[in-house]
Amino acid sequence: MTQAGATRVMNPLSSGAIRMARFMRSPSIENFVEVAESEGMDWEIADVQVPETSALVGLRLSETGLRDSGIMLLGVRKVSGQKIFPPPGNLVIEGGDNLFAFGNSDGVAKLTAMLETPAK
């Protein structure tokens, strides 16, 4: 698969084993995920890159209004490669940062619109 161009390959047996181990450690979390999926909750995890021209560039996370839009940031990968999990509210967003966001599809759409809004 890597020869065909995949940047990452996962063994389905391994990922299934990891999920079983998580279930044994925290059954309530896995139950929540299963119930959410079976009831059609439309949540997703998105990896989005901040354009240099975005209005979010230069703002602290606490100033962005992402939480009010239904988005929770799980992590940020800075342009330097530094990974920040979980990111603090005073983290300043820079162009080229990757944001790892969790939320429903409406929230992710709002995040995308925020990123595409040019700075004034």
Protein backbone atom coordinates (compact mmCIF):
# COMPACT_ATOMS: atom_id res chain seq x y z
CA MET A 1 0.00 0.00 0.00
CA THR A 2 2.85 2.39 0.75
CA GLN A 3 4.34 1.64 -2.67
CA ALA A 4 0.98 2.65 -4.17
CA GLY A 5 1.24 6.05 -2.44
CA ALA A 6 -0.41 5.56 0.95
CA THR A 7 1.18 7.74 3.62
CA ARG A 8 -0.03 5.49 6.43
CA VAL A 9 -1.14 1.88 6.58
CA MET A 10 -3.25 0.40 9.37
CA ASN A 11 -3.69 -3.23 10.20
CA PRO A 12 -7.45 -3.85 10.73
CA LEU A 13 -6.70 -6.64 13.21
CA SER A 14 -4.56 -4.29 15.26
CA SER A 15 -7.11 -1.46 15.22
CA GLY A 16 -9.85 -3.90 16.25
CA ALA A 17 -7.70 -5.10 19.13
CA ILE A 18 -7.04 -1.53 20.23
CA ARG A 19 -10.77 -0.79 20.20
CA MET A 20 -11.47 -3.90 22.30
CA ALA A 21 -8.80 -2.83 24.81
CA ARG A 22 -10.32 0.66 25.03
CA PHE A 23 -13.74 -0.87 25.62
CA MET A 24 -12.38 -2.95 28.50
CA ARG A 25 -10.69 0.12 30.04
CA SER A 26 -13.59 2.55 29.52
CA PRO A 27 -16.81 0.76 28.58
CA SER A 28 -18.94 3.87 29.08
CA ILE A 29 -16.97 5.81 26.45
CA GLU A 30 -17.28 3.03 23.89
CA ASN A 31 -20.99 2.69 24.74
CA PHE A 32 -21.43 6.42 24.13
CA VAL A 33 -19.72 6.17 20.73
CA GLU A 34 -21.84 3.17 19.72
CA VAL A 35 -25.09 4.82 20.85
CA ALA A 36 -24.16 8.08 19.10
CA GLU A 37 -23.44 6.23 15.87
CA SER A 38 -26.58 4.08 16.05
CA GLU A 39 -28.80 7.12 16.70
CA GLY A 40 -27.43 8.91 13.65
CA MET A 41 -25.48 11.63 15.44
CA ASP A 42 -23.43 13.33 12.76
CA TRP A 43 -20.19 14.12 14.56
CA GLU A 44 -16.85 14.12 12.88
CA ILE A 45 -13.20 14.80 13.46
CA ALA A 46 -11.62 17.14 10.93
CA ASP A 47 -8.03 18.07 10.17
CA VAL A 48 -8.03 21.54 8.61
CA GLN A 49 -5.19 23.83 7.68
CA VAL A 50 -5.36 27.55 8.48
CA PRO A 51 -4.77 29.66 5.35
CA GLU A 52 -2.27 32.53 5.70
CA THR A 53 -5.07 34.95 4.76
CA SER A 54 -7.64 33.66 7.30
CA ALA A 55 -9.28 36.07 9.74
CA LEU A 56 -8.41 33.56 12.49
CA VAL A 57 -4.66 34.18 12.06
CA GLY A 58 -3.31 36.06 15.05
CA LEU A 59 -6.26 35.24 17.32
CA ARG A 60 -6.02 33.26 20.54
CA LEU A 61 -8.19 30.15 20.52
CA SER A 62 -10.32 31.68 23.27
CA GLU A 63 -11.08 34.63 20.94
CA THR A 64 -12.23 32.57 17.94
CA GLY A 65 -15.76 31.61 18.99
CA LEU A 66 -15.14 28.01 17.91
CA ARG A 67 -16.77 26.61 21.06
CA ASP A 68 -19.87 28.70 20.41
CA SER A 69 -19.99 27.17 16.92
CA GLY A 70 -20.04 23.64 18.36
CA ILE A 71 -16.38 22.90 17.72
CA MET A 72 -13.91 21.48 20.22
CA LEU A 73 -10.26 21.62 19.24
CA LEU A 74 -8.51 18.40 20.16
CA GLY A 75 -5.09 19.50 19.03
CA VAL A 76 -2.98 21.81 16.92
CA ARG A 77 0.05 20.99 14.80
CA LYS A 78 2.08 24.15 14.40
CA VAL A 79 3.97 24.95 11.20
CA SER A 80 7.17 24.09 13.10
CA GLY A 81 5.84 20.53 13.56
CA GLN A 82 5.13 20.98 17.27
CA LYS A 83 1.99 19.10 18.31
CA ILE A 84 -0.13 20.56 21.10
CA PHE A 85 -2.74 18.24 22.62
CA PRO A 86 -4.97 19.70 24.04
CA PRO A 87 -4.33 23.28 22.99
CA PRO A 88 -4.65 25.99 25.67
CA GLY A 89 -7.05 28.90 25.17
CA ASN A 90 -4.17 31.37 24.92
CA LEU A 91 -2.59 29.57 21.93
CA VAL A 92 -2.26 31.99 18.99
CA ILE A 93 -3.35 30.64 15.60
CA GLU A 94 -0.82 31.05 12.80
CA GLY A 95 -1.18 30.60 9.07
CA GLY A 96 -0.26 27.05 8.11
CA ASP A 97 -1.31 25.54 11.45
CA ASN A 98 -3.35 22.36 11.30
CA LEU A 99 -6.36 22.23 13.62
CA PHE A 100 -7.78 18.90 14.74
CA ALA A 101 -11.43 19.67 15.44
CA PHE A 102 -14.32 17.63 16.82
CA GLY A 103 -17.96 18.54 16.29
CA ASN A 104 -21.07 17.92 14.28
CA SER A 105 -21.13 18.50 10.52
CA ASP A 106 -22.70 21.96 10.94
CA GLY A 107 -19.92 22.99 13.32
CA VAL A 108 -17.24 21.69 10.96
CA ALA A 109 -18.89 23.65 8.11
CA LYS A 110 -18.82 26.80 10.28
CA LEU A 111 -15.14 26.20 11.03
CA THR A 112 -14.40 25.87 7.32
CA ALA A 113 -16.26 29.13 6.64
CA MET A 114 -14.32 30.88 9.42
CA LEU A 115 -11.03 29.68 7.96
CA GLU A 116 -11.98 30.92 4.49
CA THR A 117 -13.03 34.36 5.73
CA PRO A 118 -10.19 36.72 4.80
CA ALA A 119 -8.57 38.98 7.37
CA LYS A 120 -9.63 42.61 7.24
